[in-house]
Amino acid sequence: MEKIIQTTGHDVLGSFAPSFAHYNDDVLFGENWNDPALTHKQRCLLTVAALVSSGVTDSSLSYHLRNAKQSGINHTEIAGALTHIAFYVGWPKAWAAFHQAKEVWGPDSNPDNAMHAHAANMLFPIGEPNNEFSKYFSGKSYLANICSGPLPIFNVTFEPGCKNNWHIHHADQGGGQVLICVAGQGLYQAWGEEPIGLAPGDAVIIPAGVKHWHGATDDRWFSHLAIEIPGENSHTEWLEPIEENPIR
C-alpha cells in the first residue's frame, strides 16, 4: 500500500499550533493511517462511521468521504454503510452525511460536471488547460486571456485543492499583481502571514517583491482575475511548492 503522507496540519497550523500539527500529520496520519493492521479502505469506512456517529458534518467529513471513494468504496457501499449507521446513531446524522455523500458519489461529482457548474457561476470563460505553467501548480488549472495589451488580464481557474507554488513578481519600478475573485472559494498567503480566504468580490493587491501563493480550497473550484500591474523589467520568479514551506 502506498504510504500516506499528510501535510495539512503543518500547512494550516504549523506556526500557530505546531504540536497539534505534529500529532495530526506525523502521528495520526503518518503512523496510525499507515499501520498495516487494517487496509486503507477499512480505515476510510471506519473513519466515516466515527465522524457521522459524532455528528461531524464539516469539511472533515467531506475530506474523508472523498478519501473513501478514492480507496475504492463505491456508491452502493457508502449508501449501505450510512443506512446501517443510521439505525445506531440516529436518522438526522445519516441524513446530513447523505447530503455530503451525494456530492462525492452523485452525478455532479464528475469533474467535468463540476467544472461546468463552476463556469455557470461566473461571467468569464474558464479557458484552456494551463499546460505552460503546470509544473508550478499542485493540480489542474485553466487559463483564459481576457484582455491583452498594456494591462493584461487573465482568468485563472483552479480545480479543488490546486494551488500554485510560492512565487514573486519582480520589477525595478512598479509591478506586482491584483487578484479579483470571480467564483468559488480560494486562499491567498503572503510570506510571513497567515492564509486568508477569498470569496467572489474579494480583491488582493500584491506588491512587487512579495513572496506568496494562491489557489483553491480543498473542496471548491476557484477562479480569479489576475491583473498584471505595469512595471519596468517585470518578471515572475517561481519557487518551491507550498508543501515544502507551508507557513512562514
C-alpha atoms as a PDB file:
ATOM      1  CA  MET A   1       0.000   0.000   0.000  1.00  0.00           C
ATOM      2  CA  GLU A   2       1.269   3.468  -0.863  1.00  0.00           C
ATOM      3  CA  LYS A   3       2.488   5.354   2.210  1.00  0.00           C
ATOM      4  CA  ILE A   4       0.076   8.063   3.350  1.00  0.00           C
ATOM      5  CA  ILE A   5       1.654  11.489   3.783  1.00  0.00           C
ATOM      6  CA  GLN A   6      -0.350  14.340   5.281  1.00  0.00           C
ATOM      7  CA  THR A   7       0.777  17.988   5.493  1.00  0.00           C
ATOM      8  CA  THR A   8      -2.488  19.835   6.192  1.00  0.00           C
ATOM      9  CA  GLY A   9      -1.722  20.351   9.881  1.00  0.00           C
ATOM     10  CA  HIS A  10       1.634  21.934   9.141  1.00  0.00           C
ATOM     11  CA  ASP A  11       0.186  23.884   6.188  1.00  0.00           C
ATOM     12  CA  VAL A  12      -2.627  25.436   8.223  1.00  0.00           C
ATOM     13  CA  LEU A  13      -1.450  25.395  11.853  1.00  0.00           C
ATOM     14  CA  GLY A  14       2.307  24.901  11.654  1.00  0.00           C
ATOM     15  CA  SER A  15       3.212  28.232  13.254  1.00  0.00           C
ATOM     16  CA  PHE A  16       0.063  28.652  15.378  1.00  0.00           C
ATOM     17  CA  ALA A  17      -0.168  25.177  16.938  1.00  0.00           C
ATOM     18  CA  PRO A  18       2.941  23.172  15.983  1.00  0.00           C
ATOM     19  CA  SER A  19       2.237  20.351  18.466  1.00  0.00           C
ATOM     20  CA  PHE A  20      -1.265  19.807  17.100  1.00  0.00           C
ATOM     21  CA  ALA A  21       0.108  19.909  13.549  1.00  0.00           C
ATOM     22  CA  HIS A  22       2.683  17.278  14.512  1.00  0.00           C
ATOM     23  CA  TYR A  23       0.104  14.963  16.089  1.00  0.00           C
ATOM     24  CA  ASN A  24      -2.240  15.380  13.107  1.00  0.00           C
ATOM     25  CA  ASP A  25       0.290  14.900  10.295  1.00  0.00           C
ATOM     26  CA  ASP A  26       3.051  12.779  11.806  1.00  0.00           C
ATOM     27  CA  VAL A  27       1.176  10.608  14.320  1.00  0.00           C
ATOM     28  CA  LEU A  28      -2.481  10.316  13.243  1.00  0.00           C
ATOM     29  CA  PHE A  29      -1.764  10.051   9.515  1.00  0.00           C
ATOM     30  CA  GLY A  30       1.954   9.307   9.440  1.00  0.00           C
ATOM     31  CA  GLU A  31       1.786   6.396  11.907  1.00  0.00           C
ATOM     32  CA  ASN A  32      -1.798   5.318  12.573  1.00  0.00           C
ATOM     33  CA  TRP A  33      -3.078   5.519   8.985  1.00  0.00           C
ATOM     34  CA  ASN A  34      -0.012   3.613   7.788  1.00  0.00           C
ATOM     35  CA  ASP A  35      -0.440   0.777  10.310  1.00  0.00           C
ATOM     36  CA  PRO A  36      -0.870  -2.406   8.199  1.00  0.00           C
ATOM     37  CA  ALA A  37      -3.288  -3.946  10.737  1.00  0.00           C
ATOM     38  CA  LEU A  38      -6.162  -2.549   8.649  1.00  0.00           C
ATOM     39  CA  THR A  39      -6.443  -1.852   4.939  1.00  0.00           C
ATOM     40  CA  HIS A  40      -6.759   1.715   3.763  1.00  0.00           C
ATOM     41  CA  LYS A  41     -10.316   1.002   2.621  1.00  0.00           C
ATOM     42  CA  GLN A  42     -11.264  -0.334   6.056  1.00  0.00           C
ATOM     43  CA  ARG A  43      -9.803   2.726   7.784  1.00  0.00           C
ATOM     44  CA  CYS A  44     -11.699   5.038   5.428  1.00  0.00           C
ATOM     45  CA  LEU A  45     -15.037   3.385   6.179  1.00  0.00           C
ATOM     46  CA  LEU A  46     -14.364   3.269   9.934  1.00  0.00           C
ATOM     47  CA  THR A  47     -13.403   6.942   9.947  1.00  0.00           C
ATOM     48  CA  VAL A  48     -16.573   7.945   8.086  1.00  0.00           C
ATOM     49  CA  ALA A  49     -18.629   5.908  10.568  1.00  0.00           C
ATOM     50  CA  ALA A  50     -16.884   7.560  13.529  1.00  0.00           C
ATOM     51  CA  LEU A  51     -17.384  11.083  12.177  1.00  0.00           C
ATOM     52  CA  VAL A  52     -21.055  10.511  11.319  1.00  0.00           C
ATOM     53  CA  SER A  53     -21.624   8.963  14.761  1.00  0.00           C
ATOM     54  CA  SER A  54     -20.142  12.104  16.348  1.00  0.00           C
ATOM     55  CA  GLY A  55     -22.340  14.388  14.254  1.00  0.00           C
ATOM     56  CA  VAL A  56     -19.379  15.870  12.345  1.00  0.00           C
ATOM     57  CA  THR A  57     -20.624  17.255   9.034  1.00  0.00           C
ATOM     58  CA  ASP A  58     -17.967  19.863   8.219  1.00  0.00           C
ATOM     59  CA  SER A  59     -15.043  19.726   5.801  1.00  0.00           C
ATOM     60  CA  SER A  60     -13.526  16.838   7.794  1.00  0.00           C
ATOM     61  CA  LEU A  61     -16.361  14.534   6.746  1.00  0.00           C
ATOM     62  CA  SER A  62     -16.173  15.784   3.134  1.00  0.00           C
ATOM     63  CA  TYR A  63     -12.443  15.025   3.074  1.00  0.00           C
ATOM     64  CA  HIS A  64     -12.902  11.506   4.435  1.00  0.00           C
ATOM     65  CA  LEU A  65     -15.823  10.774   2.112  1.00  0.00           C
ATOM     66  CA  ARG A  66     -13.613  11.696  -0.861  1.00  0.00           C
ATOM     67  CA  ASN A  67     -10.841   9.611   0.658  1.00  0.00           C
ATOM     68  CA  ALA A  68     -13.260   6.686   0.959  1.00  0.00           C
ATOM     69  CA  LYS A  69     -14.266   6.978  -2.685  1.00  0.00           C
ATOM     70  CA  GLN A  70     -10.627   7.070  -3.770  1.00  0.00           C
ATOM     71  CA  SER A  71      -9.965   3.933  -1.697  1.00  0.00           C
ATOM     72  CA  GLY A  72     -12.487   2.019  -3.826  1.00  0.00           C
ATOM     73  CA  ILE A  73     -15.695   2.353  -1.819  1.00  0.00           C
ATOM     74  CA  ASN A  74     -18.479   2.653  -4.376  1.00  0.00           C
ATOM     75  CA  HIS A  75     -21.896   4.341  -4.315  1.00  0.00           C
ATOM     76  CA  THR A  76     -23.728   1.176  -3.221  1.00  0.00           C
ATOM     77  CA  GLU A  77     -21.289   0.521  -0.364  1.00  0.00           C
ATOM     78  CA  ILE A  78     -21.375   4.046   1.072  1.00  0.00           C
ATOM     79  CA  ALA A  79     -25.178   4.174   0.832  1.00  0.00           C
ATOM     80  CA  GLY A  80     -25.408   0.813   2.614  1.00  0.00           C
ATOM     81  CA  ALA A  81     -22.915   1.895   5.271  1.00  0.00           C
ATOM     82  CA  LEU A  82     -24.718   5.165   6.025  1.00  0.00           C
ATOM     83  CA  THR A  83     -28.093   3.372   6.150  1.00  0.00           C
ATOM     84  CA  HIS A  84     -26.652   0.842   8.602  1.00  0.00           C
ATOM     85  CA  ILE A  85     -25.106   3.604  10.731  1.00  0.00           C
ATOM     86  CA  ALA A  86     -28.435   5.471  10.869  1.00  0.00           C
ATOM     87  CA  PHE A  87     -30.069   2.716  12.943  1.00  0.00           C
ATOM     88  CA  TYR A  88     -27.377   3.026  15.620  1.00  0.00           C
ATOM     89  CA  VAL A  89     -26.505   6.728  15.757  1.00  0.00           C
ATOM     90  CA  GLY A  90     -29.655   8.493  14.570  1.00  0.00           C
ATOM     91  CA  TRP A  91     -31.546   9.333  11.403  1.00  0.00           C
ATOM     92  CA  PRO A  92     -30.683  13.088  11.343  1.00  0.00           C
ATOM     93  CA  LYS A  93     -26.948  12.325  11.412  1.00  0.00           C
ATOM     94  CA  ALA A  94     -27.297   9.949   8.465  1.00  0.00           C
ATOM     95  CA  TRP A  95     -29.391  12.479   6.531  1.00  0.00           C
ATOM     96  CA  ALA A  96     -26.655  15.094   6.958  1.00  0.00           C
ATOM     97  CA  ALA A  97     -23.990  12.619   5.845  1.00  0.00           C
ATOM     98  CA  PHE A  98     -26.043  11.571   2.808  1.00  0.00           C
ATOM     99  CA  HIS A  99     -26.172  15.192   1.594  1.00  0.00           C
ATOM    100  CA  GLN A 100     -22.367  15.272   1.528  1.00  0.00           C
ATOM    101  CA  ALA A 101     -22.038  11.757   0.120  1.00  0.00           C
ATOM    102  CA  LYS A 102     -24.282  12.702  -2.816  1.00  0.00           C
ATOM    103  CA  GLU A 103     -21.848  15.484  -3.708  1.00  0.00           C
ATOM    104  CA  VAL A 104     -18.976  12.966  -3.763  1.00  0.00           C
ATOM    105  CA  TRP A 105     -20.645   9.975  -5.434  1.00  0.00           C
ATOM    106  CA  GLY A 106     -23.537  11.664  -7.256  1.00  0.00           C
ATOM    107  CA  PRO A 107     -23.609  12.654 -10.939  1.00  0.00           C
ATOM    108  CA  ASP A 108     -22.428  16.173 -10.128  1.00  0.00           C
ATOM    109  CA  SER A 109     -19.250  14.709  -8.592  1.00  0.00           C
ATOM    110  CA  ASN A 110     -17.910  14.071 -12.096  1.00  0.00           C
ATOM    111  CA  PRO A 111     -15.062  16.599 -12.502  1.00  0.00           C
ATOM    112  CA  ASP A 112     -16.374  17.702 -15.910  1.00  0.00           C
ATOM    113  CA  ASN A 113     -19.869  18.326 -14.499  1.00  0.00           C
ATOM    114  CA  ALA A 114     -18.419  20.164 -11.506  1.00  0.00           C
ATOM    115  CA  MET A 115     -16.295  22.336 -13.783  1.00  0.00           C
ATOM    116  CA  HIS A 116     -19.318  23.209 -15.935  1.00  0.00           C
ATOM    117  CA  ALA A 117     -21.322  24.077 -12.814  1.00  0.00           C
ATOM    118  CA  HIS A 118     -18.483  26.338 -11.654  1.00  0.00           C
ATOM    119  CA  ALA A 119     -18.288  28.013 -15.071  1.00  0.00           C
ATOM    120  CA  ALA A 120     -22.020  28.718 -14.969  1.00  0.00           C
ATOM    121  CA  ASN A 121     -21.494  30.810 -11.831  1.00  0.00           C
ATOM    122  CA  MET A 122     -19.209  33.401 -13.425  1.00  0.00           C
ATOM    123  CA  LEU A 123     -19.165  35.750 -16.378  1.00  0.00           C
ATOM    124  CA  PHE A 124     -15.668  34.865 -17.596  1.00  0.00           C
ATOM    125  CA  PRO A 125     -14.637  31.746 -19.519  1.00  0.00           C
ATOM    126  CA  ILE A 126     -12.543  29.035 -17.877  1.00  0.00           C
ATOM    127  CA  GLY A 127     -10.329  28.824 -20.946  1.00  0.00           C
ATOM    128  CA  GLU A 128      -7.836  26.097 -21.762  1.00  0.00           C
ATOM    129  CA  PRO A 129      -5.640  23.866 -19.583  1.00  0.00           C
ATOM    130  CA  ASN A 130      -2.751  25.893 -18.215  1.00  0.00           C
ATOM    131  CA  ASN A 131      -0.136  23.489 -19.583  1.00  0.00           C
ATOM    132  CA  GLU A 132       2.675  26.013 -19.958  1.00  0.00           C
ATOM    133  CA  PHE A 133       2.771  26.651 -16.208  1.00  0.00           C
ATOM    134  CA  SER A 134       1.522  23.257 -14.991  1.00  0.00           C
ATOM    135  CA  LYS A 135       4.849  22.450 -13.310  1.00  0.00           C
ATOM    136  CA  TYR A 136       4.234  25.360 -10.927  1.00  0.00           C
ATOM    137  CA  PHE A 137       0.770  24.130  -9.839  1.00  0.00           C
ATOM    138  CA  SER A 138      -0.128  21.262  -7.493  1.00  0.00           C
ATOM    139  CA  GLY A 139      -3.165  20.248  -9.598  1.00  0.00           C
ATOM    140  CA  LYS A 140      -5.017  21.187 -12.761  1.00  0.00           C
ATOM    141  CA  SER A 141      -5.517  24.843 -13.631  1.00  0.00           C
ATOM    142  CA  TYR A 142      -7.021  26.666 -16.602  1.00  0.00           C
ATOM    143  CA  LEU A 143      -6.229  29.993 -18.231  1.00  0.00           C
ATOM    144  CA  ALA A 144      -8.372  32.408 -20.251  1.00  0.00           C
ATOM    145  CA  ASN A 145      -6.905  35.577 -21.800  1.00  0.00           C
ATOM    146  CA  ILE A 146      -9.467  38.294 -21.013  1.00  0.00           C
ATOM    147  CA  CYS A 147      -7.519  41.352 -22.138  1.00  0.00           C
ATOM    148  CA  SER A 148      -4.154  41.829 -23.858  1.00  0.00           C
ATOM    149  CA  GLY A 149      -2.137  44.992 -24.354  1.00  0.00           C
ATOM    150  CA  PRO A 150      -0.584  47.294 -21.764  1.00  0.00           C
ATOM    151  CA  LEU A 151      -2.747  45.889 -18.926  1.00  0.00           C
ATOM    152  CA  PRO A 152      -3.072  42.125 -19.475  1.00  0.00           C
ATOM    153  CA  ILE A 153      -5.862  40.372 -17.586  1.00  0.00           C
ATOM    154  CA  PHE A 154      -6.249  36.615 -17.285  1.00  0.00           C
ATOM    155  CA  ASN A 155      -8.925  34.495 -15.678  1.00  0.00           C
ATOM    156  CA  VAL A 156      -7.175  31.688 -13.779  1.00  0.00           C
ATOM    157  CA  THR A 157      -9.255  28.715 -12.637  1.00  0.00           C
ATOM    158  CA  PHE A 158      -8.083  26.119 -10.104  1.00  0.00           C
ATOM    159  CA  GLU A 159      -9.666  22.712  -9.578  1.00  0.00           C
ATOM    160  CA  PRO A 160     -10.348  21.798  -5.903  1.00  0.00           C
ATOM    161  CA  GLY A 161      -7.111  21.500  -3.970  1.00  0.00           C
ATOM    162  CA  CYS A 162      -4.980  23.044  -6.719  1.00  0.00           C
ATOM    163  CA  LYS A 163      -2.516  25.696  -5.563  1.00  0.00           C
ATOM    164  CA  ASN A 164       0.419  27.365  -7.240  1.00  0.00           C
ATOM    165  CA  ASN A 165       3.968  27.421  -5.883  1.00  0.00           C
ATOM    166  CA  TRP A 166       5.411  30.213  -3.831  1.00  0.00           C
ATOM    167  CA  HIS A 167       6.411  32.917  -6.288  1.00  0.00           C
ATOM    168  CA  ILE A 168       7.484  36.567  -6.517  1.00  0.00           C
ATOM    169  CA  HIS A 169       6.592  39.233  -9.071  1.00  0.00           C
ATOM    170  CA  HIS A 170       9.750  41.275  -9.590  1.00  0.00           C
ATOM    171  CA  ALA A 171      10.107  44.730 -11.147  1.00  0.00           C
ATOM    172  CA  ASP A 172      12.681  47.507 -10.999  1.00  0.00           C
ATOM    173  CA  GLN A 173       9.841  50.015 -10.645  1.00  0.00           C
ATOM    174  CA  GLY A 174       6.090  49.479 -10.249  1.00  0.00           C
ATOM    175  CA  GLY A 175       4.946  45.955 -10.982  1.00  0.00           C
ATOM    176  CA  GLY A 176       3.029  43.490  -8.857  1.00  0.00           C
ATOM    177  CA  GLN A 177      -0.368  41.951  -9.359  1.00  0.00           C
ATOM    178  CA  VAL A 178      -4.028  42.337  -8.422  1.00  0.00           C
ATOM    179  CA  LEU A 179      -6.257  39.291  -7.863  1.00  0.00           C
ATOM    180  CA  ILE A 180     -10.050  39.593  -8.027  1.00  0.00           C
ATOM    181  CA  CYS A 181     -12.048  36.512  -7.045  1.00  0.00           C
ATOM    182  CA  VAL A 182     -14.886  35.896  -9.521  1.00  0.00           C
ATOM    183  CA  ALA A 183     -16.185  32.438  -8.489  1.00  0.00           C
ATOM    184  CA  GLY A 184     -15.716  29.673  -5.942  1.00  0.00           C
ATOM    185  CA  GLN A 185     -13.580  29.729  -2.808  1.00  0.00           C
ATOM    186  CA  GLY A 186      -9.850  30.310  -2.680  1.00  0.00           C
ATOM    187  CA  LEU A 187      -6.889  31.067  -0.467  1.00  0.00           C
ATOM    188  CA  TYR A 188      -4.042  33.579  -0.588  1.00  0.00           C
ATOM    189  CA  GLN A 189      -0.957  33.722   1.595  1.00  0.00           C
ATOM    190  CA  ALA A 190       1.897  36.197   1.712  1.00  0.00           C
ATOM    191  CA  TRP A 191       5.223  35.087   3.191  1.00  0.00           C
ATOM    192  CA  GLY A 192       5.214  35.675   6.951  1.00  0.00           C
ATOM    193  CA  GLU A 193       1.416  35.947   7.179  1.00  0.00           C
ATOM    194  CA  GLU A 194      -1.484  33.555   7.740  1.00  0.00           C
ATOM    195  CA  PRO A 195      -3.541  32.362   4.724  1.00  0.00           C
ATOM    196  CA  ILE A 196      -6.721  34.345   4.025  1.00  0.00           C
ATOM    197  CA  GLY A 197      -9.899  33.104   2.357  1.00  0.00           C
ATOM    198  CA  LEU A 198     -11.135  34.541  -0.927  1.00  0.00           C
ATOM    199  CA  ALA A 199     -14.781  34.660  -1.996  1.00  0.00           C
ATOM    200  CA  PRO A 200     -16.386  36.247  -5.077  1.00  0.00           C
ATOM    201  CA  GLY A 201     -15.835  40.006  -4.978  1.00  0.00           C
ATOM    202  CA  ASP A 202     -12.719  39.868  -2.800  1.00  0.00           C
ATOM    203  CA  ALA A 203      -9.552  41.501  -4.115  1.00  0.00           C
ATOM    204  CA  VAL A 204      -5.894  41.244  -3.156  1.00  0.00           C
ATOM    205  CA  ILE A 205      -3.157  43.698  -4.121  1.00  0.00           C
ATOM    206  CA  ILE A 206       0.253  42.009  -4.280  1.00  0.00           C
ATOM    207  CA  PRO A 207       3.161  44.455  -4.410  1.00  0.00           C
ATOM    208  CA  ALA A 208       6.284  43.571  -6.351  1.00  0.00           C
ATOM    209  CA  GLY A 209       8.805  41.621  -4.299  1.00  0.00           C
ATOM    210  CA  VAL A 210       6.268  39.860  -2.052  1.00  0.00           C
ATOM    211  CA  LYS A 211       6.633  36.085  -1.868  1.00  0.00           C
ATOM    212  CA  HIS A 212       3.173  34.485  -1.980  1.00  0.00           C
ATOM    213  CA  TRP A 213       0.885  31.742  -3.319  1.00  0.00           C
ATOM    214  CA  HIS A 214      -2.825  31.383  -4.098  1.00  0.00           C
ATOM    215  CA  GLY A 215      -5.228  28.659  -5.121  1.00  0.00           C
ATOM    216  CA  ALA A 216      -8.429  26.763  -4.411  1.00  0.00           C
ATOM    217  CA  THR A 217      -9.669  25.314  -1.147  1.00  0.00           C
ATOM    218  CA  ASP A 218      -9.650  21.528  -0.930  1.00  0.00           C
ATOM    219  CA  ASP A 219     -13.361  21.123  -1.750  1.00  0.00           C
ATOM    220  CA  ARG A 220     -14.249  24.023  -4.084  1.00  0.00           C
ATOM    221  CA  TRP A 221     -13.299  25.232  -7.552  1.00  0.00           C
ATOM    222  CA  PHE A 222     -11.845  28.733  -7.612  1.00  0.00           C
ATOM    223  CA  SER A 223     -11.381  31.422 -10.268  1.00  0.00           C
ATOM    224  CA  HIS A 224      -9.748  34.816 -10.042  1.00  0.00           C
ATOM    225  CA  LEU A 225      -8.811  37.550 -12.471  1.00  0.00           C
ATOM    226  CA  ALA A 226      -5.058  38.143 -12.463  1.00  0.00           C
ATOM    227  CA  ILE A 227      -4.202  41.719 -13.431  1.00  0.00           C
ATOM    228  CA  GLU A 228      -0.552  42.468 -14.018  1.00  0.00           C
ATOM    229  CA  ILE A 229       0.479  45.920 -12.747  1.00  0.00           C
ATOM    230  CA  PRO A 230       2.792  47.599 -15.285  1.00  0.00           C
ATOM    231  CA  GLY A 231       6.420  47.864 -14.227  1.00  0.00           C
ATOM    232  CA  GLU A 232       9.962  48.118 -15.511  1.00  0.00           C
ATOM    233  CA  ASN A 233      11.709  44.805 -16.265  1.00  0.00           C
ATOM    234  CA  SER A 234       8.821  42.821 -14.783  1.00  0.00           C
ATOM    235  CA  HIS A 235       9.149  39.065 -14.423  1.00  0.00           C
ATOM    236  CA  THR A 236       7.897  36.273 -12.175  1.00  0.00           C
ATOM    237  CA  GLU A 237      10.228  34.071 -10.124  1.00  0.00           C
ATOM    238  CA  TRP A 238       8.678  30.648  -9.432  1.00  0.00           C
ATOM    239  CA  LEU A 239       9.834  28.977  -6.226  1.00  0.00           C
ATOM    240  CA  GLU A 240       9.143  25.843  -4.174  1.00  0.00           C
ATOM    241  CA  PRO A 241       5.713  24.203  -3.702  1.00  0.00           C
ATOM    242  CA  ILE A 242       3.872  25.364  -0.584  1.00  0.00           C
ATOM    243  CA  GLU A 243       4.154  21.892   0.982  1.00  0.00           C
ATOM    244  CA  GLU A 244       7.896  22.439   1.353  1.00  0.00           C
ATOM    245  CA  ASN A 245       7.453  25.767   3.147  1.00  0.00           C
ATOM    246  CA  PRO A 246       3.807  25.911   4.294  1.00  0.00           C
ATOM    247  CA  ILE A 247       3.757  28.728   6.860  1.00  0.00           C
ATOM    248  CA  ARG A 248       6.412  31.398   7.271  1.00  0.00           C
END
